[in-house]
Amino acid sequence: EAASIEVLAELVFRKVVQLEPVAQDRYDRLVARVHQGELEVNAELVKLGYAWAARRYQRKEESDYCTFEAAAREARRGVWRLTPDPQIAP
Protein backbone atom coordinates (compact mmCIF):
# COMPACT_ATOMS: atom_id res chain seq x y z
CA GLU A 1 0.00 0.00 0.00
CA ALA A 2 1.30 3.47 -0.87
CA ALA A 3 0.42 4.69 2.61
CA SER A 4 2.93 2.24 4.10
CA ILE A 5 5.67 3.72 1.94
CA GLU A 6 4.68 7.23 2.98
CA VAL A 7 4.77 6.36 6.69
CA LEU A 8 8.15 4.67 6.32
CA ALA A 9 9.49 7.70 4.47
CA GLU A 10 8.29 10.01 7.26
CA LEU A 11 10.21 7.89 9.76
CA VAL A 12 13.51 7.45 7.91
CA PHE A 13 13.86 9.55 4.75
CA ARG A 14 17.07 11.62 4.87
CA LYS A 15 17.71 10.49 8.44
CA VAL A 16 20.57 8.47 9.86
CA VAL A 17 19.50 4.95 10.75
CA GLN A 18 21.26 2.04 12.38
CA LEU A 19 20.69 -1.54 11.28
CA GLU A 20 20.69 -4.44 13.72
CA PRO A 21 21.16 -7.58 11.60
CA VAL A 22 18.81 -10.46 12.46
CA ALA A 23 19.18 -12.98 9.62
CA GLN A 24 19.64 -13.57 5.89
CA ASP A 25 16.46 -14.64 4.10
CA ARG A 26 16.24 -17.38 1.49
CA TYR A 27 17.07 -14.83 -1.24
CA ASP A 28 20.24 -13.81 0.66
CA ARG A 29 18.77 -10.45 1.68
CA LEU A 30 19.60 -8.92 5.04
CA VAL A 31 16.77 -8.99 7.58
CA ALA A 32 17.39 -6.29 10.18
CA ARG A 33 15.83 -4.12 12.82
CA VAL A 34 16.01 -0.47 11.84
CA HIS A 35 16.64 2.17 14.49
CA GLN A 36 16.31 5.91 13.95
CA GLY A 37 17.60 7.40 17.16
CA GLU A 38 15.62 5.83 20.01
CA LEU A 39 12.82 4.73 17.67
CA GLU A 40 12.70 1.11 16.50
CA VAL A 41 11.21 1.66 13.05
CA ASN A 42 10.10 -1.95 12.54
CA ALA A 43 8.04 -1.94 15.74
CA GLU A 44 6.58 1.48 14.97
CA LEU A 45 5.36 0.35 11.54
CA VAL A 46 3.69 -2.70 13.11
CA LYS A 47 2.09 -0.55 15.83
CA LEU A 48 0.71 1.85 13.21
CA GLY A 49 -0.68 -1.06 11.17
CA TYR A 50 1.62 -0.57 8.18
CA ALA A 51 3.65 -3.76 8.62
CA TRP A 52 2.99 -7.29 9.80
CA ALA A 53 4.89 -9.06 12.56
CA ALA A 54 7.52 -11.19 10.83
CA ARG A 55 7.07 -14.27 12.99
CA ARG A 56 9.74 -16.21 11.13
CA TYR A 57 12.48 -13.88 12.36
CA GLN A 58 11.26 -13.22 15.91
CA ARG A 59 12.92 -14.64 18.96
CA LYS A 60 10.56 -15.96 21.65
CA GLU A 61 11.35 -13.03 23.92
CA GLU A 62 10.27 -10.63 21.17
CA SER A 63 6.57 -11.41 21.12
CA ASP A 64 5.88 -7.67 21.39
CA TYR A 65 5.60 -7.52 17.60
CA CYS A 66 2.64 -9.93 17.71
CA THR A 67 1.07 -7.85 20.48
CA PHE A 68 1.57 -4.67 18.44
CA GLU A 69 0.04 -6.32 15.37
CA ALA A 70 -2.96 -7.60 17.34
CA ALA A 71 -3.59 -4.11 18.75
CA ALA A 72 -3.36 -2.55 15.27
CA ARG A 73 -5.77 -5.17 13.89
CA GLU A 74 -8.21 -4.60 16.75
CA ALA A 75 -8.09 -0.81 16.25
CA ARG A 76 -8.27 -1.26 12.43
CA ARG A 77 -5.17 0.90 11.89
CA GLY A 78 -3.22 1.01 8.65
CA VAL A 79 -3.75 -2.01 6.39
CA TRP A 80 -6.10 -3.55 8.94
CA ARG A 81 -8.78 -1.00 8.03
CA LEU A 82 -9.03 -2.72 4.62
CA THR A 83 -11.12 -5.76 3.83
CA PRO A 84 -9.00 -8.93 3.57
CA ASP A 85 -8.92 -8.92 -0.24
CA PRO A 86 -6.74 -5.78 -0.67
CA GLN A 87 -4.45 -6.77 2.22
CA ILE A 88 -1.19 -7.97 0.69
CA ALA A 89 1.15 -10.03 2.84
CA PRO A 90 4.67 -8.61 3.04
PDB file of N, CA and C in Angstrom:
ATOM      1  N   GLU A   1       0.853  -1.174   0.000  1.00  0.00           N
ATOM      2  CA  GLU A   1       0.000   0.000   0.000  1.00  0.00           C
ATOM      3  C   GLU A   1       0.895   1.232   0.000  1.00  0.00           C
ATOM      4  N   ALA A   2       0.519   2.222  -0.776  1.00  0.00           N
ATOM      5  CA  ALA A   2       1.297   3.468  -0.871  1.00  0.00           C
ATOM      6  C   ALA A   2       1.409   4.167   0.470  1.00  0.00           C
ATOM      7  N   ALA A   3       0.381   4.042   1.297  1.00  0.00           N
ATOM      8  CA  ALA A   3       0.416   4.691   2.613  1.00  0.00           C
ATOM      9  C   ALA A   3       1.548   4.131   3.465  1.00  0.00           C
ATOM     10  N   SER A   4       1.831   2.838   3.346  1.00  0.00           N
ATOM     11  CA  SER A   4       2.931   2.236   4.102  1.00  0.00           C
ATOM     12  C   SER A   4       4.259   2.862   3.712  1.00  0.00           C
ATOM     13  N   ILE A   5       4.436   3.093   2.429  1.00  0.00           N
ATOM     14  CA  ILE A   5       5.670   3.723   1.938  1.00  0.00           C
ATOM     15  C   ILE A   5       5.784   5.144   2.464  1.00  0.00           C
ATOM     16  N   GLU A   6       4.676   5.855   2.475  1.00  0.00           N
ATOM     17  CA  GLU A   6       4.684   7.234   2.977  1.00  0.00           C
ATOM     18  C   GLU A   6       5.044   7.290   4.463  1.00  0.00           C
ATOM     19  N   VAL A   7       4.481   6.386   5.245  1.00  0.00           N
ATOM     20  CA  VAL A   7       4.769   6.365   6.687  1.00  0.00           C
ATOM     21  C   VAL A   7       6.232   6.013   6.914  1.00  0.00           C
ATOM     22  N   LEU A   8       6.737   5.025   6.193  1.00  0.00           N
ATOM     23  CA  LEU A   8       8.150   4.665   6.324  1.00  0.00           C
ATOM     24  C   LEU A   8       9.040   5.848   5.952  1.00  0.00           C
ATOM     25  N   ALA A   9       8.700   6.542   4.884  1.00  0.00           N
ATOM     26  CA  ALA A   9       9.488   7.704   4.470  1.00  0.00           C
ATOM     27  C   ALA A   9       9.488   8.780   5.548  1.00  0.00           C
ATOM     28  N   GLU A  10       8.353   9.018   6.180  1.00  0.00           N
ATOM     29  CA  GLU A  10       8.294  10.006   7.265  1.00  0.00           C
ATOM     30  C   GLU A  10       9.239   9.634   8.407  1.00  0.00           C
ATOM     31  N   LEU A  11       9.379   8.348   8.652  1.00  0.00           N
ATOM     32  CA  LEU A  11      10.209   7.890   9.761  1.00  0.00           C
ATOM     33  C   LEU A  11      11.699   7.899   9.454  1.00  0.00           C
ATOM     34  N   VAL A  12      12.077   7.650   8.185  1.00  0.00           N
ATOM     35  CA  VAL A  12      13.511   7.450   7.915  1.00  0.00           C
ATOM     36  C   VAL A  12      14.110   8.282   6.778  1.00  0.00           C
ATOM     37  N   PHE A  13      13.307   8.870   5.917  1.00  0.00           N
ATOM     38  CA  PHE A  13      13.860   9.553   4.748  1.00  0.00           C
ATOM     39  C   PHE A  13      14.803  10.677   5.164  1.00  0.00           C
ATOM     40  N   ARG A  14      16.009  10.631   4.607  1.00  0.00           N
ATOM     41  CA  ARG A  14      17.070  11.621   4.870  1.00  0.00           C
ATOM     42  C   ARG A  14      17.475  11.685   6.340  1.00  0.00           C
ATOM     43  N   LYS A  15      17.313  10.578   7.041  1.00  0.00           N
ATOM     44  CA  LYS A  15      17.707  10.494   8.445  1.00  0.00           C
ATOM     45  C   LYS A  15      18.747   9.384   8.586  1.00  0.00           C
ATOM     46  N   VAL A  16      19.580   9.509   9.579  1.00  0.00           N
ATOM     47  CA  VAL A  16      20.567   8.472   9.861  1.00  0.00           C
ATOM     48  C   VAL A  16      19.871   7.334  10.590  1.00  0.00           C
ATOM     49  N   VAL A  17      20.073   6.125  10.106  1.00  0.00           N
ATOM     50  CA  VAL A  17      19.504   4.946  10.754  1.00  0.00           C
ATOM     51  C   VAL A  17      20.618   3.959  11.075  1.00  0.00           C
ATOM     52  N   GLN A  18      20.350   3.115  12.045  1.00  0.00           N
ATOM     53  CA  GLN A  18      21.258   2.037  12.377  1.00  0.00           C
ATOM     54  C   GLN A  18      20.533   0.728  12.109  1.00  0.00           C
ATOM     55  N   LEU A  19      21.264  -0.231  11.557  1.00  0.00           N
ATOM     56  CA  LEU A  19      20.691  -1.542  11.278  1.00  0.00           C
ATOM     57  C   LEU A  19      21.220  -2.550  12.288  1.00  0.00           C
ATOM     58  N   GLU A  20      20.327  -3.355  12.818  1.00  0.00           N
ATOM     59  CA  GLU A  20      20.687  -4.436  13.722  1.00  0.00           C
ATOM     60  C   GLU A  20      20.371  -5.738  12.976  1.00  0.00           C
ATOM     61  N   PRO A  21      21.395  -6.370  12.387  1.00  0.00           N
ATOM     62  CA  PRO A  21      21.157  -7.584  11.603  1.00  0.00           C
ATOM     63  C   PRO A  21      20.489  -8.677  12.435  1.00  0.00           C
ATOM     64  N   VAL A  22      19.531  -9.369  11.807  1.00  0.00           N
ATOM     65  CA  VAL A  22      18.811 -10.458  12.458  1.00  0.00           C
ATOM     66  C   VAL A  22      19.088 -11.770  11.731  1.00  0.00           C
ATOM     67  N   ALA A  23      19.035 -11.748  10.394  1.00  0.00           N
ATOM     68  CA  ALA A  23      19.185 -12.980   9.617  1.00  0.00           C
ATOM     69  C   ALA A  23      19.409 -12.635   8.143  1.00  0.00           C
ATOM     70  N   GLN A  24      19.647 -13.664   7.355  1.00  0.00           N
ATOM     71  CA  GLN A  24      19.635 -13.574   5.891  1.00  0.00           C
ATOM     72  C   GLN A  24      18.427 -14.395   5.464  1.00  0.00           C
ATOM     73  N   ASP A  25      17.614 -13.860   4.542  1.00  0.00           N
ATOM     74  CA  ASP A  25      16.461 -14.637   4.101  1.00  0.00           C
ATOM     75  C   ASP A  25      16.867 -15.604   3.004  1.00  0.00           C
ATOM     76  N   ARG A  26      15.919 -16.348   2.489  1.00  0.00           N
ATOM     77  CA  ARG A  26      16.241 -17.375   1.493  1.00  0.00           C
ATOM     78  C   ARG A  26      16.750 -16.795   0.170  1.00  0.00           C
ATOM     79  N   TYR A  27      16.557 -15.489  -0.034  1.00  0.00           N
ATOM     80  CA  TYR A  27      17.068 -14.828  -1.239  1.00  0.00           C
ATOM     81  C   TYR A  27      18.379 -14.105  -0.951  1.00  0.00           C
ATOM     82  N   ASP A  28      18.967 -14.385   0.220  1.00  0.00           N
ATOM     83  CA  ASP A  28      20.241 -13.815   0.660  1.00  0.00           C
ATOM     84  C   ASP A  28      20.148 -12.319   0.942  1.00  0.00           C
ATOM     85  N   ARG A  29      18.952 -11.846   1.291  1.00  0.00           N
ATOM     86  CA  ARG A  29      18.766 -10.447   1.677  1.00  0.00           C
ATOM     87  C   ARG A  29      18.923 -10.321   3.188  1.00  0.00           C
ATOM     88  N   LEU A  30      19.436  -9.191   3.623  1.00  0.00           N
ATOM     89  CA  LEU A  30      19.596  -8.923   5.036  1.00  0.00           C
ATOM     90  C   LEU A  30      18.245  -8.618   5.675  1.00  0.00           C
ATOM     91  N   VAL A  31      17.936  -9.291   6.760  1.00  0.00           N
ATOM     92  CA  VAL A  31      16.767  -8.989   7.577  1.00  0.00           C
ATOM     93  C   VAL A  31      17.322  -8.283   8.808  1.00  0.00           C
ATOM     94  N   ALA A  32      16.823  -7.079   9.086  1.00  0.00           N
ATOM     95  CA  ALA A  32      17.390  -6.293  10.180  1.00  0.00           C
ATOM     96  C   ALA A  32      16.331  -5.460  10.874  1.00  0.00           C
ATOM     97  N   ARG A  33      16.623  -5.112  12.110  1.00  0.00           N
ATOM     98  CA  ARG A  33      15.830  -4.116  12.820  1.00  0.00           C
ATOM     99  C   ARG A  33      16.433  -2.763  12.461  1.00  0.00           C
ATOM    100  N   VAL A  34      15.569  -1.810  12.222  1.00  0.00           N
ATOM    101  CA  VAL A  34      16.008  -0.474  11.836  1.00  0.00           C
ATOM    102  C   VAL A  34      15.739   0.472  12.994  1.00  0.00           C
ATOM    103  N   HIS A  35      16.773   1.199  13.398  1.00  0.00           N
ATOM    104  CA  HIS A  35      16.642   2.171  14.486  1.00  0.00           C
ATOM    105  C   HIS A  35      16.929   3.565  13.942  1.00  0.00           C
ATOM    106  N   GLN A  36      16.074   4.501  14.274  1.00  0.00           N
ATOM    107  CA  GLN A  36      16.307   5.905  13.950  1.00  0.00           C
ATOM    108  C   GLN A  36      16.295   6.616  15.297  1.00  0.00           C
ATOM    109  N   GLY A  37      17.498   6.873  15.803  1.00  0.00           N
ATOM    110  CA  GLY A  37      17.599   7.395  17.156  1.00  0.00           C
ATOM    111  C   GLY A  37      17.084   6.350  18.120  1.00  0.00           C
ATOM    112  N   GLU A  38      16.197   6.747  19.023  1.00  0.00           N
ATOM    113  CA  GLU A  38      15.625   5.831  20.009  1.00  0.00           C
ATOM    114  C   GLU A  38      14.455   5.013  19.449  1.00  0.00           C
ATOM    115  N   LEU A  39      13.988   5.378  18.266  1.00  0.00           N
ATOM    116  CA  LEU A  39      12.820   4.730  17.674  1.00  0.00           C
ATOM    117  C   LEU A  39      13.210   3.442  16.949  1.00  0.00           C
ATOM    118  N   GLU A  40      12.538   2.339  17.272  1.00  0.00           N
ATOM    119  CA  GLU A  40      12.695   1.111  16.498  1.00  0.00           C
ATOM    120  C   GLU A  40      11.644   1.162  15.390  1.00  0.00           C
ATOM    121  N   VAL A  41      12.093   1.419  14.188  1.00  0.00           N
ATOM    122  CA  VAL A  41      11.208   1.663  13.051  1.00  0.00           C
ATOM    123  C   VAL A  41      10.319   0.455  12.764  1.00  0.00           C
ATOM    124  N   ASN A  42      10.877  -0.738  12.819  1.00  0.00           N
ATOM    125  CA  ASN A  42      10.100  -1.946  12.536  1.00  0.00           C
ATOM    126  C   ASN A  42       8.884  -2.018  13.464  1.00  0.00           C
ATOM    127  N   ALA A  43       9.117  -1.857  14.761  1.00  0.00           N
ATOM    128  CA  ALA A  43       8.035  -1.938  15.744  1.00  0.00           C
ATOM    129  C   ALA A  43       7.015  -0.830  15.510  1.00  0.00           C
ATOM    130  N   GLU A  44       7.491   0.353  15.194  1.00  0.00           N
ATOM    131  CA  GLU A  44       6.575   1.483  14.972  1.00  0.00           C
ATOM    132  C   GLU A  44       5.647   1.216  13.786  1.00  0.00           C
ATOM    133  N   LEU A  45       6.186   0.663  12.706  1.00  0.00           N
ATOM    134  CA  LEU A  45       5.356   0.345  11.543  1.00  0.00           C
ATOM    135  C   LEU A  45       4.293  -0.695  11.887  1.00  0.00           C
ATOM    136  N   VAL A  46       4.662  -1.687  12.699  1.00  0.00           N
ATOM    137  CA  VAL A  46       3.690  -2.702  13.113  1.00  0.00           C
ATOM    138  C   VAL A  46       2.624  -2.069  14.000  1.00  0.00           C
ATOM    139  N   LYS A  47       3.037  -1.224  14.935  1.00  0.00           N
ATOM    140  CA  LYS A  47       2.087  -0.546  15.833  1.00  0.00           C
ATOM    141  C   LYS A  47       1.088   0.298  15.056  1.00  0.00           C
ATOM    142  N   LEU A  48       1.572   0.966  14.003  1.00  0.00           N
ATOM    143  CA  LEU A  48       0.714   1.846  13.209  1.00  0.00           C
ATOM    144  C   LEU A  48      -0.153   1.074  12.208  1.00  0.00           C
ATOM    145  N   GLY A  49       0.110  -0.233  12.086  1.00  0.00           N
ATOM    146  CA  GLY A  49      -0.678  -1.056  11.171  1.00  0.00           C
ATOM    147  C   GLY A  49      -0.168  -1.044   9.744  1.00  0.00           C
ATOM    148  N   TYR A  50       1.064  -0.631   9.533  1.00  0.00           N
ATOM    149  CA  TYR A  50       1.618  -0.570   8.176  1.00  0.00           C
ATOM    150  C   TYR A  50       2.659  -1.639   7.913  1.00  0.00           C
ATOM    151  N   ALA A  51       2.787  -2.597   8.826  1.00  0.00           N
ATOM    152  CA  ALA A  51       3.655  -3.756   8.621  1.00  0.00           C
ATOM    153  C   ALA A  51       3.089  -4.894   9.466  1.00  0.00           C
ATOM    154  N   TRP A  52       3.417  -6.114   9.067  1.00  0.00           N
ATOM    155  CA  TRP A  52       2.986  -7.286   9.799  1.00  0.00           C
ATOM    156  C   TRP A  52       4.146  -7.780  10.636  1.00  0.00           C
ATOM    157  N   ALA A  53       3.845  -8.451  11.733  1.00  0.00           N
ATOM    158  CA  ALA A  53       4.888  -9.060  12.564  1.00  0.00           C
ATOM    159  C   ALA A  53       5.514 -10.210  11.775  1.00  0.00           C
ATOM    160  N   ALA A  54       6.810 -10.151  11.576  1.00  0.00           N
ATOM    161  CA  ALA A  54       7.523 -11.195  10.830  1.00  0.00           C
ATOM    162  C   ALA A  54       7.868 -12.327  11.791  1.00  0.00           C
ATOM    163  N   ARG A  55       6.927 -13.213  11.998  1.00  0.00           N
ATOM    164  CA  ARG A  55       7.073 -14.268  12.994  1.00  0.00           C
ATOM    165  C   ARG A  55       8.277 -15.171  12.721  1.00  0.00           C
ATOM    166  N   ARG A  56       8.618 -15.344  11.493  1.00  0.00           N
ATOM    167  CA  ARG A  56       9.739 -16.208  11.127  1.00  0.00           C
ATOM    168  C   ARG A  56      11.060 -15.733  11.740  1.00  0.00           C
ATOM    169  N   TYR A  57      11.213 -14.432  11.900  1.00  0.00           N
ATOM    170  CA  TYR A  57      12.485 -13.881  12.359  1.00  0.00           C
ATOM    171  C   TYR A  57      12.453 -13.405  13.807  1.00  0.00           C
ATOM    172  N   GLN A  58      11.371 -13.671  14.518  1.00  0.00           N
ATOM    173  CA  GLN A  58      11.264 -13.225  15.907  1.00  0.00           C
ATOM    174  C   GLN A  58      11.836 -14.262  16.856  1.00  0.00           C
ATOM    175  N   ARG A  59      12.508 -13.771  17.857  1.00  0.00           N
ATOM    176  CA  ARG A  59      12.917 -14.641  18.961  1.00  0.00           C
ATOM    177  C   ARG A  59      11.736 -14.723  19.920  1.00  0.00           C
ATOM    178  N   LYS A  60      11.696 -15.774  20.728  1.00  0.00           N
ATOM    179  CA  LYS A  60      10.562 -15.962  21.646  1.00  0.00           C
ATOM    180  C   LYS A  60      10.365 -14.773  22.576  1.00  0.00           C
ATOM    181  N   GLU A  61      11.465 -14.163  22.988  1.00  0.00           N
ATOM    182  CA  GLU A  61      11.350 -13.029  23.920  1.00  0.00           C
ATOM    183  C   GLU A  61      10.873 -11.756  23.221  1.00  0.00           C
ATOM    184  N   GLU A  62      10.687 -11.812  21.932  1.00  0.00           N
ATOM    185  CA  GLU A  62      10.274 -10.634  21.169  1.00  0.00           C
ATOM    186  C   GLU A  62       8.826 -10.727  20.705  1.00  0.00           C
ATOM    187  N   SER A  63       7.963 -11.256  21.519  1.00  0.00           N
ATOM    188  CA  SER A  63       6.573 -11.413  21.124  1.00  0.00           C
ATOM    189  C   SER A  63       5.833 -10.084  21.075  1.00  0.00           C
ATOM    190  N   ASP A  64       6.519  -8.989  21.453  1.00  0.00           N
ATOM    191  CA  ASP A  64       5.879  -7.673  21.389  1.00  0.00           C
ATOM    192  C   ASP A  64       5.342  -7.368  19.998  1.00  0.00           C
ATOM    193  N   TYR A  65       6.062  -7.796  18.961  1.00  0.00           N
ATOM    194  CA  TYR A  65       5.604  -7.518  17.603  1.00  0.00           C
ATOM    195  C   TYR A  65       4.207  -8.102  17.373  1.00  0.00           C
ATOM    196  N   CYS A  66       3.960  -9.310  17.859  1.00  0.00           N
ATOM    197  CA  CYS A  66       2.642  -9.933  17.707  1.00  0.00           C
ATOM    198  C   CYS A  66       1.593  -9.151  18.497  1.00  0.00           C
ATOM    199  N   THR A  67       1.975  -8.669  19.670  1.00  0.00           N
ATOM    200  CA  THR A  67       1.065  -7.851  20.482  1.00  0.00           C
ATOM    201  C   THR A  67       0.754  -6.551  19.765  1.00  0.00           C
ATOM    202  N   PHE A  68       1.776  -5.918  19.188  1.00  0.00           N
ATOM    203  CA  PHE A  68       1.572  -4.668  18.445  1.00  0.00           C
ATOM    204  C   PHE A  68       0.655  -4.902  17.254  1.00  0.00           C
ATOM    205  N   GLU A  69       0.872  -6.016  16.535  1.00  0.00           N
ATOM    206  CA  GLU A  69       0.040  -6.318  15.370  1.00  0.00           C
ATOM    207  C   GLU A  69      -1.407  -6.564  15.795  1.00  0.00           C
ATOM    208  N   ALA A  70      -1.605  -7.312  16.865  1.00  0.00           N
ATOM    209  CA  ALA A  70      -2.963  -7.596  17.336  1.00  0.00           C
ATOM    210  C   ALA A  70      -3.690  -6.309  17.716  1.00  0.00           C
ATOM    211  N   ALA A  71      -2.980  -5.392  18.361  1.00  0.00           N
ATOM    212  CA  ALA A  71      -3.594  -4.111  18.746  1.00  0.00           C
ATOM    213  C   ALA A  71      -3.956  -3.297  17.510  1.00  0.00           C
ATOM    214  N   ALA A  72      -3.086  -3.291  16.509  1.00  0.00           N
ATOM    215  CA  ALA A  72      -3.363  -2.554  15.272  1.00  0.00           C
ATOM    216  C   ALA A  72      -4.565  -3.167  14.545  1.00  0.00           C
ATOM    217  N   ARG A  73      -4.621  -4.495  14.511  1.00  0.00           N
ATOM    218  CA  ARG A  73      -5.766  -5.172  13.885  1.00  0.00           C
ATOM    219  C   ARG A  73      -7.067  -4.803  14.610  1.00  0.00           C
ATOM    220  N   GLU A  74      -7.026  -4.893  15.931  1.00  0.00           N
ATOM    221  CA  GLU A  74      -8.210  -4.596  16.749  1.00  0.00           C
ATOM    222  C   GLU A  74      -8.688  -3.165  16.527  1.00  0.00           C
ATOM    223  N   ALA A  75      -7.742  -2.227  16.430  1.00  0.00           N
ATOM    224  CA  ALA A  75      -8.088  -0.813  16.247  1.00  0.00           C
ATOM    225  C   ALA A  75      -8.314  -0.463  14.775  1.00  0.00           C
ATOM    226  N   ARG A  76      -8.101  -1.448  13.879  1.00  0.00           N
ATOM    227  CA  ARG A  76      -8.266  -1.255  12.430  1.00  0.00           C
ATOM    228  C   ARG A  76      -7.402  -0.096  11.924  1.00  0.00           C
ATOM    229  N   ARG A  77      -6.135  -0.106  12.354  1.00  0.00           N
ATOM    230  CA  ARG A  77      -5.175   0.900  11.895  1.00  0.00           C
ATOM    231  C   ARG A  77      -4.449   0.399  10.657  1.00  0.00           C
ATOM    232  N   GLY A  78      -4.038   1.342   9.820  1.00  0.00           N
ATOM    233  CA  GLY A  78      -3.219   1.006   8.654  1.00  0.00           C
ATOM    234  C   GLY A  78      -3.913   0.029   7.731  1.00  0.00           C
ATOM    235  N   VAL A  79      -3.185  -1.027   7.326  1.00  0.00           N
ATOM    236  CA  VAL A  79      -3.745  -2.006   6.392  1.00  0.00           C
ATOM    237  C   VAL A  79      -4.921  -2.765   6.986  1.00  0.00           C
ATOM    238  N   TRP A  80      -5.032  -2.795   8.290  1.00  0.00           N
ATOM    239  CA  TRP A  80      -6.101  -3.550   8.936  1.00  0.00           C
ATOM    240  C   TRP A  80      -7.456  -2.860   8.801  1.00  0.00           C
ATOM    241  N   ARG A  81      -7.489  -1.652   8.273  1.00  0.00           N
ATOM    242  CA  ARG A  81      -8.780  -1.004   8.027  1.00  0.00           C
ATOM    243  C   ARG A  81      -9.382  -1.499   6.713  1.00  0.00           C
ATOM    244  N   LEU A  82      -8.574  -2.189   5.911  1.00  0.00           N
ATOM    245  CA  LEU A  82      -9.027  -2.716   4.619  1.00  0.00           C
ATOM    246  C   LEU A  82      -9.729  -4.059   4.801  1.00  0.00           C
ATOM    247  N   THR A  83     -10.559  -4.413   3.838  1.00  0.00           N
ATOM    248  CA  THR A  83     -11.121  -5.764   3.832  1.00  0.00           C
ATOM    249  C   THR A  83      -9.970  -6.714   3.501  1.00  0.00           C
ATOM    250  N   PRO A  84     -10.110  -8.005   3.818  1.00  0.00           N
ATOM    251  CA  PRO A  84      -8.997  -8.934   3.575  1.00  0.00           C
ATOM    252  C   PRO A  84      -8.496  -9.008   2.134  1.00  0.00           C
ATOM    253  N   ASP A  85      -9.351  -8.798   1.151  1.00  0.00           N
ATOM    254  CA  ASP A  85      -8.918  -8.922  -0.243  1.00  0.00           C
ATOM    255  C   ASP A  85      -7.787  -7.963  -0.623  1.00  0.00           C
ATOM    256  N   PRO A  86      -7.848  -6.653  -0.272  1.00  0.00           N
ATOM    257  CA  PRO A  86      -6.744  -5.784  -0.666  1.00  0.00           C
ATOM    258  C   PRO A  86      -5.505  -5.890   0.233  1.00  0.00           C
ATOM    259  N   GLN A  87      -5.606  -6.625   1.351  1.00  0.00           N
ATOM    260  CA  GLN A  87      -4.447  -6.772   2.217  1.00  0.00           C
ATOM    261  C   GLN A  87      -3.443  -7.691   1.527  1.00  0.00           C
ATOM    262  N   ILE A  88      -2.238  -7.200   1.349  1.00  0.00           N
ATOM    263  CA  ILE A  88      -1.194  -7.973   0.689  1.00  0.00           C
ATOM    264  C   ILE A  88      -0.134  -8.316   1.719  1.00  0.00           C
ATOM    265  N   ALA A  89       0.129  -9.598   1.885  1.00  0.00           N
ATOM    266  CA  ALA A  89       1.151 -10.029   2.835  1.00  0.00           C
ATOM    267  C   ALA A  89       2.517  -9.486   2.409  1.00  0.00           C
ATOM    268  N   PRO A  90       3.332  -9.135   3.387  1.00  0.00           N
ATOM    269  CA  PRO A  90       4.665  -8.609   3.040  1.00  0.00           C
ATOM    270  C   PRO A  90       5.525  -9.665   2.373  1.00  0.00           C
TER     271      PRO A  90
END
